Amino acid sequence: MNENNTFPPGFLWGVSSSAPQTESRNGRGKSNWDVFTDKAGKGDIYSNKKCTEFEENYQEDISLLSQAGIKSFRFSISWPRVQPSWNEGILNKEGIEFYNKIIDLLIRNGIEPIPTLFHWDIPQWAGDFRDRGLAYLFAEYAEKITRQLDSRVKKWLVFNEPSSVALLGYGTGTFAPGVMSKDSMFAAIHHVNLAQGLAFAALRAYLPADVSIGTTLSLSRTRGEDDSARNNEAAEKAWALFDAVFLDPLYGKGYPQDLLPSLQPYIQQGDMDIISVIPDFLGVNYYSRLYVKADSNPLNFFGFLSGKIPENLPRTQSSFVVEPEGLTELLLYLHENYDAPVIYITETGFALDEPDAVEGVVIDDPRSQYIFEYLKAALNAIDKGVKLRARCCGGCCH
């Protein structure tokens, strides 16, 4: 790490949010997450009916960002807000105007807007990612909304965490639409990758050369809970399914060979060329390493389970661990194996119980220390040659 612990000139600092986690249901169409959270037994803790009502409070929120000296804001565009119904493909004027206002206000406050086109919320009318047709609907929406907003935006993110969409939505059933099926999961994996590739092609066909297009993946280096051969093999399986099946085809490496038989039924001629976009920058969401153990239960189509986490690592309230050296390891791995991509850290954070404010100030020492350790880990990677150019992070539900 350099002597002054300083980031290079031009490093972009920012914060992030997402429409389905901050915007209420007012003024938009029904989404897949509305249906999922309204299911019996979910309760208010899962409700997205109000969230933080960003659509009502965005002026105050952006003012706070400006006062804090924030230089970039990653937010997402709600597809159900700008296209609440099919309507022959015509976008909703009120929805477009809302995001125009956000972009204009950010720019007036000296904050660079970095919109994400898809952060998990699908209009209910559009179906889900078991259907190949959704990939084409998404690309059509992506092109239309960027044409409406493009003149002021210089950095676009296409997807946020395709792995969460496909694996948790169609494999474990813990995310919308709540499906638990091996076949559905692999169909969704391919179709989200295809949707992403089609959207890149649509945007690159008309956006000027000075506009950068990236996408965000949730990535963690995987380890066995111990050094046994079985658990090391499980860690390789976990990396393939959680990370490489999204990362490798994005950079022209194709799908991991062990997963190809499960994906082959959904691949059509030309698909892999469409998916291989090599983004202008790669957004990385990182929290900690993933620890796994082998599982031979034939009903577990993942082939592994969550493993024991080293006891010496601090934990957050959500049981995520604080593991800054895992960030350095991940960034170096990406640099060495994917042709030294430009990287933005687009999400990280720590779910911690906060002390009560004293005279309007929260003394949040543990979180501050954890953030400092992750910044040091990032700077360590930069000093070793990693092309890390930005940290545009926000608090996460984790």
Protein backbone atom coordinates (compact mmCIF):
# COMPACT_ATOMS: atom_id res chain seq x y z
CA MET A 1 0.00 0.00 0.00
CA ASN A 2 1.34 3.46 -0.85
CA GLU A 3 2.83 5.57 1.92
CA ASN A 4 0.01 8.10 2.12
CA ASN A 5 -2.90 5.64 1.86
CA THR A 6 -4.26 7.76 -0.99
CA PHE A 7 -6.36 6.73 -3.95
CA PRO A 8 -5.24 7.80 -7.43
CA PRO A 9 -6.36 11.13 -8.93
CA GLY A 10 -9.76 10.93 -10.58
CA PHE A 11 -10.97 8.04 -8.42
CA LEU A 12 -14.76 8.28 -8.32
CA TRP A 13 -16.49 8.16 -4.94
CA GLY A 14 -20.21 7.60 -4.61
CA VAL A 15 -23.17 5.84 -3.07
CA SER A 16 -25.89 3.60 -4.46
CA SER A 17 -29.51 2.58 -4.13
CA SER A 18 -32.12 0.59 -6.05
CA ALA A 19 -35.70 1.27 -7.08
CA PRO A 20 -37.27 -1.87 -5.56
CA GLN A 21 -35.60 -1.14 -2.22
CA THR A 22 -36.33 2.60 -2.05
CA GLU A 23 -39.35 3.45 -4.23
CA SER A 24 -42.92 2.73 -3.15
CA ARG A 25 -45.55 1.14 -5.36
CA ASN A 26 -47.23 4.49 -6.02
CA GLY A 27 -47.27 5.52 -9.65
CA ARG A 28 -46.00 2.29 -11.15
CA GLY A 29 -47.27 -1.03 -12.43
CA LYS A 30 -47.28 -4.31 -10.54
CA SER A 31 -43.90 -6.04 -10.36
CA ASN A 32 -42.68 -9.57 -9.74
CA TRP A 33 -41.55 -8.44 -6.29
CA ASP A 34 -45.01 -7.09 -5.45
CA VAL A 35 -46.47 -10.53 -6.10
CA PHE A 36 -43.67 -12.27 -4.21
CA THR A 37 -43.82 -10.09 -1.10
CA ASP A 38 -47.62 -10.21 -0.99
CA LYS A 39 -47.62 -13.99 -0.67
CA ALA A 40 -49.17 -15.31 2.53
CA GLY A 41 -46.74 -15.45 5.42
CA LYS A 42 -44.29 -12.85 4.15
CA GLY A 43 -45.49 -10.15 6.54
CA ASP A 44 -44.62 -6.48 6.75
CA ILE A 45 -40.90 -7.10 7.11
CA TYR A 46 -40.79 -8.09 3.43
CA SER A 47 -43.25 -5.48 2.22
CA ASN A 48 -42.23 -3.14 -0.57
CA LYS A 49 -45.42 -1.09 -0.45
CA LYS A 50 -43.67 2.02 0.90
CA CYS A 51 -39.90 1.40 1.21
CA THR A 52 -38.33 4.84 1.78
CA GLU A 53 -40.61 6.53 -0.78
CA PHE A 54 -37.69 7.85 -2.76
CA GLU A 55 -40.05 9.06 -5.46
CA GLU A 56 -41.45 11.53 -2.90
CA ASN A 57 -38.23 12.33 -1.04
CA TYR A 58 -35.60 12.35 -3.80
CA GLN A 59 -35.03 16.13 -3.64
CA GLU A 60 -34.19 16.01 0.05
CA ASP A 61 -32.12 12.83 -0.40
CA ILE A 62 -30.06 14.33 -3.22
CA SER A 63 -29.56 17.50 -1.19
CA LEU A 64 -28.10 15.37 1.61
CA LEU A 65 -25.77 13.68 -0.89
CA SER A 66 -24.60 17.07 -2.08
CA GLN A 67 -23.99 18.29 1.46
CA ALA A 68 -21.93 15.17 2.13
CA GLY A 69 -19.72 15.85 -0.89
CA ILE A 70 -20.81 12.74 -2.78
CA LYS A 71 -19.64 12.77 -6.40
CA SER A 72 -21.67 9.94 -7.97
CA PHE A 73 -24.97 8.21 -7.35
CA ARG A 74 -25.80 4.75 -8.65
CA PHE A 75 -29.56 4.26 -8.73
CA SER A 76 -31.84 1.97 -10.70
CA ILE A 77 -34.68 2.63 -13.07
CA SER A 78 -37.86 0.76 -12.24
CA TRP A 79 -39.01 -1.03 -15.37
CA PRO A 80 -42.58 -1.29 -13.95
CA ARG A 81 -42.59 2.49 -13.44
CA VAL A 82 -41.59 3.42 -16.99
CA GLN A 83 -43.55 0.59 -18.62
CA PRO A 84 -46.40 -0.37 -16.26
CA SER A 85 -48.22 -2.20 -19.07
CA TRP A 86 -47.25 -3.46 -22.50
CA ASN A 87 -49.13 -0.64 -24.28
CA GLU A 88 -47.64 -1.57 -27.64
CA GLY A 89 -44.17 -0.94 -26.22
CA ILE A 90 -44.82 2.73 -25.43
CA LEU A 91 -43.16 3.97 -22.25
CA ASN A 92 -45.00 5.88 -19.52
CA LYS A 93 -44.37 9.65 -19.74
CA GLU A 94 -44.69 10.22 -15.99
CA GLY A 95 -42.15 7.51 -15.25
CA ILE A 96 -39.66 8.93 -17.73
CA GLU A 97 -40.15 12.42 -16.33
CA PHE A 98 -39.43 11.19 -12.79
CA TYR A 99 -36.01 9.86 -13.79
CA ASN A 100 -35.31 12.92 -15.91
CA LYS A 101 -35.86 15.05 -12.81
CA ILE A 102 -33.49 12.87 -10.77
CA ILE A 103 -30.75 13.09 -13.39
CA ASP A 104 -31.14 16.84 -13.80
CA LEU A 105 -31.06 17.42 -10.05
CA LEU A 106 -27.99 15.24 -9.59
CA ILE A 107 -26.11 17.12 -12.29
CA ARG A 108 -27.09 20.49 -10.84
CA ASN A 109 -25.63 19.33 -7.53
CA GLY A 110 -22.38 18.18 -9.09
CA ILE A 111 -23.20 14.49 -8.71
CA GLU A 112 -22.68 12.11 -11.62
CA PRO A 113 -25.75 9.92 -12.32
CA ILE A 114 -25.00 6.21 -12.91
CA PRO A 115 -28.32 4.50 -13.69
CA THR A 116 -28.80 0.73 -13.53
CA LEU A 117 -31.33 -0.52 -16.06
CA PHE A 118 -32.34 -3.65 -14.15
CA HIS A 119 -32.18 -4.22 -10.41
CA TRP A 120 -34.49 -7.25 -10.16
CA ASP A 121 -37.95 -5.68 -10.69
CA ILE A 122 -39.84 -7.04 -13.71
CA PRO A 123 -43.29 -5.75 -14.76
CA GLN A 124 -45.79 -8.49 -14.01
CA TRP A 125 -47.07 -8.39 -17.59
CA ALA A 126 -43.61 -9.30 -18.94
CA GLY A 127 -43.38 -12.79 -17.38
CA ASP A 128 -40.16 -14.16 -15.92
CA PHE A 129 -36.76 -15.46 -16.93
CA ARG A 130 -37.88 -19.02 -17.50
CA ASP A 131 -39.11 -17.58 -20.79
CA ARG A 132 -36.53 -16.65 -23.43
CA GLY A 133 -38.86 -13.95 -24.71
CA LEU A 134 -38.23 -11.83 -21.62
CA ALA A 135 -34.64 -11.29 -22.77
CA TYR A 136 -35.88 -9.54 -25.91
CA LEU A 137 -38.48 -7.51 -24.03
CA PHE A 138 -35.77 -6.31 -21.66
CA ALA A 139 -33.44 -5.29 -24.49
CA GLU A 140 -36.27 -3.33 -26.12
CA TYR A 141 -37.03 -1.53 -22.85
CA ALA A 142 -33.32 -0.86 -22.26
CA GLU A 143 -32.89 0.81 -25.62
CA LYS A 144 -36.03 2.92 -25.28
CA ILE A 145 -35.30 4.24 -21.79
CA THR A 146 -31.65 5.05 -22.57
CA ARG A 147 -32.74 6.99 -25.67
CA GLN A 148 -34.99 9.05 -23.38
CA LEU A 149 -32.24 9.80 -20.84
CA ASP A 150 -28.95 9.31 -22.67
CA SER A 151 -27.75 12.84 -23.42
CA ARG A 152 -26.68 13.55 -19.82
CA VAL A 153 -25.61 10.06 -18.71
CA LYS A 154 -22.03 8.99 -19.36
CA LYS A 155 -22.02 5.69 -17.47
CA TRP A 156 -24.72 3.02 -17.67
CA LEU A 157 -25.04 -0.26 -15.79
CA VAL A 158 -27.16 -2.89 -17.53
CA PHE A 159 -27.80 -5.47 -14.77
CA ASN A 160 -27.41 -5.76 -11.05
CA GLU A 161 -26.49 -9.25 -9.84
CA PRO A 162 -27.80 -11.65 -12.48
CA SER A 163 -26.72 -14.44 -10.12
CA SER A 164 -29.18 -13.29 -7.45
CA VAL A 165 -31.97 -13.14 -10.02
CA ALA A 166 -31.34 -16.61 -11.44
CA LEU A 167 -30.09 -18.63 -8.46
CA LEU A 168 -32.17 -17.15 -5.66
CA GLY A 169 -35.27 -16.47 -7.74
CA TYR A 170 -35.47 -19.79 -9.59
CA GLY A 171 -33.19 -22.14 -7.62
CA THR A 172 -33.59 -21.56 -3.89
CA GLY A 173 -36.88 -19.66 -4.20
CA THR A 174 -35.79 -17.02 -1.69
CA PHE A 175 -36.15 -14.15 -4.20
CA ALA A 176 -38.91 -13.33 -6.64
CA PRO A 177 -40.59 -15.21 -8.25
CA GLY A 178 -39.96 -17.84 -5.54
CA VAL A 179 -39.36 -20.86 -7.81
CA MET A 180 -37.35 -23.90 -6.66
CA SER A 181 -36.36 -25.93 -9.72
CA LYS A 182 -33.07 -27.03 -11.27
CA ASP A 183 -34.40 -26.71 -14.80
CA SER A 184 -35.91 -23.29 -14.12
CA MET A 185 -32.68 -22.10 -12.55
CA PHE A 186 -30.55 -23.05 -15.55
CA ALA A 187 -33.08 -21.58 -17.95
CA ALA A 188 -32.97 -18.34 -15.98
CA ILE A 189 -29.16 -18.33 -15.89
CA HIS A 190 -28.96 -18.43 -19.67
CA HIS A 191 -31.83 -16.03 -20.25
CA VAL A 192 -30.48 -13.33 -17.90
CA ASN A 193 -27.10 -13.60 -19.62
CA LEU A 194 -28.83 -13.34 -22.99
CA ALA A 195 -30.90 -10.34 -21.86
CA GLN A 196 -27.75 -8.60 -20.71
CA GLY A 197 -25.97 -9.26 -24.00
CA LEU A 198 -28.91 -8.10 -26.10
CA ALA A 199 -29.14 -4.89 -24.09
CA PHE A 200 -25.42 -4.19 -24.54
CA ALA A 201 -25.81 -4.62 -28.30
CA ALA A 202 -28.84 -2.32 -28.39
CA LEU A 203 -27.06 0.43 -26.45
CA ARG A 204 -23.77 0.16 -28.29
CA ALA A 205 -25.58 0.49 -31.61
CA TYR A 206 -26.35 4.16 -30.98
CA LEU A 207 -24.66 5.54 -27.85
CA PRO A 208 -21.61 7.73 -28.57
CA ALA A 209 -18.10 6.48 -27.94
CA ASP A 210 -17.62 8.61 -24.82
CA VAL A 211 -20.40 6.74 -22.98
CA SER A 212 -19.31 3.71 -20.93
CA ILE A 213 -21.54 0.67 -20.52
CA GLY A 214 -20.95 -1.77 -17.69
CA THR A 215 -22.79 -4.33 -15.64
CA THR A 216 -22.65 -5.42 -12.01
CA LEU A 217 -22.00 -8.95 -10.74
CA SER A 218 -22.09 -10.23 -7.19
CA LEU A 219 -18.73 -11.97 -6.78
CA SER A 220 -16.97 -13.81 -3.96
CA ARG A 221 -14.00 -16.12 -4.05
CA THR A 222 -15.07 -19.49 -2.66
CA ARG A 223 -13.39 -21.78 -0.18
CA GLY A 224 -14.16 -25.11 1.42
CA GLU A 225 -14.95 -25.01 5.11
CA ASP A 226 -11.75 -27.03 5.52
CA ASP A 227 -8.92 -28.16 3.26
CA SER A 228 -10.33 -31.60 2.46
CA ALA A 229 -10.49 -32.67 -1.18
CA ARG A 230 -14.29 -33.00 -1.04
CA ASN A 231 -14.82 -29.49 0.26
CA ASN A 232 -12.25 -27.96 -2.08
CA GLU A 233 -14.15 -29.58 -4.96
CA ALA A 234 -17.36 -28.13 -3.53
CA ALA A 235 -15.73 -24.69 -3.53
CA GLU A 236 -14.90 -25.09 -7.23
CA LYS A 237 -18.53 -26.04 -7.92
CA ALA A 238 -19.72 -23.00 -5.99
CA TRP A 239 -17.44 -20.64 -7.93
CA ALA A 240 -18.68 -22.12 -11.21
CA LEU A 241 -22.37 -21.76 -10.33
CA PHE A 242 -22.39 -18.52 -8.35
CA ASP A 243 -19.74 -16.60 -10.29
CA ALA A 244 -18.12 -18.12 -13.38
CA VAL A 245 -21.38 -19.01 -15.15
CA PHE A 246 -22.06 -15.26 -15.36
CA LEU A 247 -18.51 -13.90 -15.50
CA ASP A 248 -16.89 -16.27 -18.02
CA PRO A 249 -19.37 -15.88 -20.91
CA LEU A 250 -19.37 -12.11 -20.40
CA TYR A 251 -15.65 -12.16 -21.31
CA GLY A 252 -15.90 -14.69 -24.15
CA LYS A 253 -14.82 -17.74 -22.16
CA GLY A 254 -18.10 -19.65 -22.54
CA TYR A 255 -19.89 -21.52 -19.78
CA PRO A 256 -18.01 -23.71 -17.27
CA GLN A 257 -17.78 -27.19 -18.77
CA ASP A 258 -19.36 -28.95 -15.79
CA LEU A 259 -22.49 -26.79 -16.12
CA LEU A 260 -22.79 -26.91 -19.89
CA PRO A 261 -25.01 -30.04 -20.04
CA SER A 262 -27.62 -28.31 -17.86
CA LEU A 263 -27.48 -25.11 -19.93
CA GLN A 264 -27.29 -26.63 -23.41
CA PRO A 265 -31.07 -27.10 -23.86
CA TYR A 266 -31.55 -23.33 -23.66
CA ILE A 267 -28.67 -22.21 -25.90
CA GLN A 268 -29.49 -21.29 -29.47
CA GLN A 269 -27.12 -20.55 -32.33
CA GLY A 270 -25.38 -17.21 -31.89
CA ASP A 271 -26.33 -16.80 -28.22
CA MET A 272 -22.81 -17.05 -26.84
CA ASP A 273 -21.54 -14.38 -29.23
CA ILE A 274 -24.35 -12.08 -28.05
CA ILE A 275 -23.51 -12.72 -24.39
CA SER A 276 -19.77 -12.10 -24.87
CA VAL A 277 -19.89 -8.31 -24.65
CA ILE A 278 -16.70 -7.51 -22.69
CA PRO A 279 -18.11 -4.53 -20.76
CA ASP A 280 -16.39 -1.17 -20.68
CA PHE A 281 -16.22 -1.57 -16.91
CA LEU A 282 -17.20 -4.30 -14.48
CA GLY A 283 -19.25 -3.48 -11.41
CA VAL A 284 -18.39 -5.71 -8.45
CA ASN A 285 -20.62 -6.27 -5.43
CA TYR A 286 -18.52 -7.80 -2.66
CA TYR A 287 -19.18 -8.61 1.00
CA SER A 288 -17.01 -11.58 1.96
CA ARG A 289 -15.71 -14.91 0.75
CA LEU A 290 -18.15 -17.81 0.39
CA TYR A 291 -17.45 -20.91 2.49
CA VAL A 292 -19.05 -24.21 1.45
CA LYS A 293 -19.02 -27.93 2.15
CA ALA A 294 -19.77 -30.91 -0.04
CA ASP A 295 -23.24 -32.44 -0.05
CA SER A 296 -24.09 -35.75 -1.72
CA ASN A 297 -27.85 -35.53 -1.18
CA PRO A 298 -29.37 -36.19 -4.64
CA LEU A 299 -32.18 -33.73 -3.86
CA ASN A 300 -29.66 -30.90 -3.58
CA PHE A 301 -29.01 -29.95 -7.19
CA PHE A 302 -26.38 -27.42 -6.11
CA GLY A 303 -24.04 -30.17 -4.90
CA PHE A 304 -22.86 -28.16 -1.90
CA LEU A 305 -24.10 -26.42 1.24
CA SER A 306 -23.04 -23.37 3.20
CA GLY A 307 -20.00 -24.28 5.24
CA LYS A 308 -18.58 -23.20 8.57
CA ILE A 309 -17.11 -19.71 8.57
CA PRO A 310 -13.77 -19.21 10.39
CA GLU A 311 -14.64 -18.30 13.97
CA ASN A 312 -12.07 -15.49 14.18
CA LEU A 313 -13.88 -13.35 11.58
CA PRO A 314 -16.21 -10.56 12.79
CA ARG A 315 -19.86 -11.00 11.78
CA THR A 316 -22.57 -8.53 10.91
CA GLN A 317 -26.16 -8.83 12.10
CA SER A 318 -27.02 -10.74 8.92
CA SER A 319 -24.25 -13.30 9.61
CA PHE A 320 -22.09 -11.97 6.80
CA VAL A 321 -18.47 -11.79 7.89
CA VAL A 322 -16.06 -8.89 7.62
CA GLU A 323 -13.27 -10.09 5.35
CA PRO A 324 -11.32 -7.27 3.65
CA GLU A 325 -8.49 -9.48 2.42
CA GLY A 326 -11.09 -11.40 0.41
CA LEU A 327 -11.72 -8.21 -1.56
CA THR A 328 -8.05 -7.89 -2.48
CA GLU A 329 -7.98 -11.56 -3.48
CA LEU A 330 -11.07 -11.14 -5.69
CA LEU A 331 -9.84 -7.98 -7.40
CA LEU A 332 -6.47 -9.54 -8.17
CA TYR A 333 -8.16 -12.68 -9.52
CA LEU A 334 -10.30 -10.61 -11.88
CA HIS A 335 -7.28 -8.58 -12.98
CA GLU A 336 -5.18 -11.65 -13.72
CA ASN A 337 -7.84 -13.84 -15.33
CA TYR A 338 -10.09 -11.45 -17.27
CA ASP A 339 -7.60 -9.28 -19.13
CA ALA A 340 -7.27 -6.55 -16.51
CA PRO A 341 -10.77 -5.05 -16.67
CA VAL A 342 -11.67 -1.59 -15.42
CA ILE A 343 -13.55 -2.24 -12.16
CA TYR A 344 -16.01 -0.25 -10.06
CA ILE A 345 -16.92 -1.51 -6.60
CA THR A 346 -20.66 -0.96 -6.81
CA GLU A 347 -21.87 -2.42 -3.54
CA THR A 348 -20.64 -3.44 -0.13
CA GLY A 349 -21.70 -2.69 3.41
CA PHE A 350 -22.29 -3.93 6.93
CA ALA A 351 -25.62 -4.62 8.64
CA LEU A 352 -24.96 -3.47 12.21
CA ASP A 353 -27.07 -2.29 15.08
CA GLU A 354 -26.40 1.42 15.43
CA PRO A 355 -26.17 3.27 18.75
CA ASP A 356 -28.63 6.06 19.45
CA ALA A 357 -27.70 9.46 18.10
CA VAL A 358 -26.23 11.97 20.52
CA GLU A 359 -27.03 15.57 19.54
CA GLY A 360 -27.78 14.40 16.03
CA VAL A 361 -24.56 12.40 15.64
CA VAL A 362 -24.25 8.59 15.52
CA ILE A 363 -20.89 7.38 16.80
CA ASP A 364 -20.66 4.34 14.53
CA ASP A 365 -17.10 3.20 15.20
CA PRO A 366 -17.38 -0.49 14.19
CA ARG A 367 -18.86 0.34 10.78
CA SER A 368 -16.31 3.10 10.23
CA GLN A 369 -13.48 0.68 11.06
CA TYR A 370 -14.84 -2.01 8.72
CA ILE A 371 -15.20 0.49 5.87
CA PHE A 372 -11.63 1.69 6.47
CA GLU A 373 -10.35 -1.90 6.31
CA TYR A 374 -12.17 -2.52 3.00
CA LEU A 375 -10.76 0.72 1.60
CA LYS A 376 -7.26 -0.40 2.54
CA ALA A 377 -7.93 -3.74 0.83
CA ALA A 378 -9.05 -1.93 -2.33
CA LEU A 379 -6.00 0.34 -2.26
CA ASN A 380 -3.77 -2.69 -1.82
CA ALA A 381 -5.22 -4.13 -5.04
CA ILE A 382 -4.69 -0.84 -6.88
CA ASP A 383 -1.06 -0.78 -5.78
CA LYS A 384 -0.68 -4.24 -7.35
CA GLY A 385 -2.00 -3.03 -10.70
CA VAL A 386 -5.74 -3.57 -10.50
CA LYS A 387 -7.65 -0.99 -12.56
CA LEU A 388 -10.08 -0.04 -9.81
CA ARG A 389 -11.57 3.31 -10.76
CA ALA A 390 -14.55 3.89 -8.49
CA ARG A 391 -16.35 2.99 -5.30
CA CYS A 392 -20.07 3.70 -5.67
CA CYS A 393 -21.46 1.75 -2.77
CA GLY A 394 -24.57 1.79 -0.68
CA GLY A 395 -25.97 0.01 2.32
CA CYS A 396 -27.38 -3.38 1.40
CA CYS A 397 -30.13 -5.55 2.81
CA HIS A 398 -27.39 -7.94 3.91
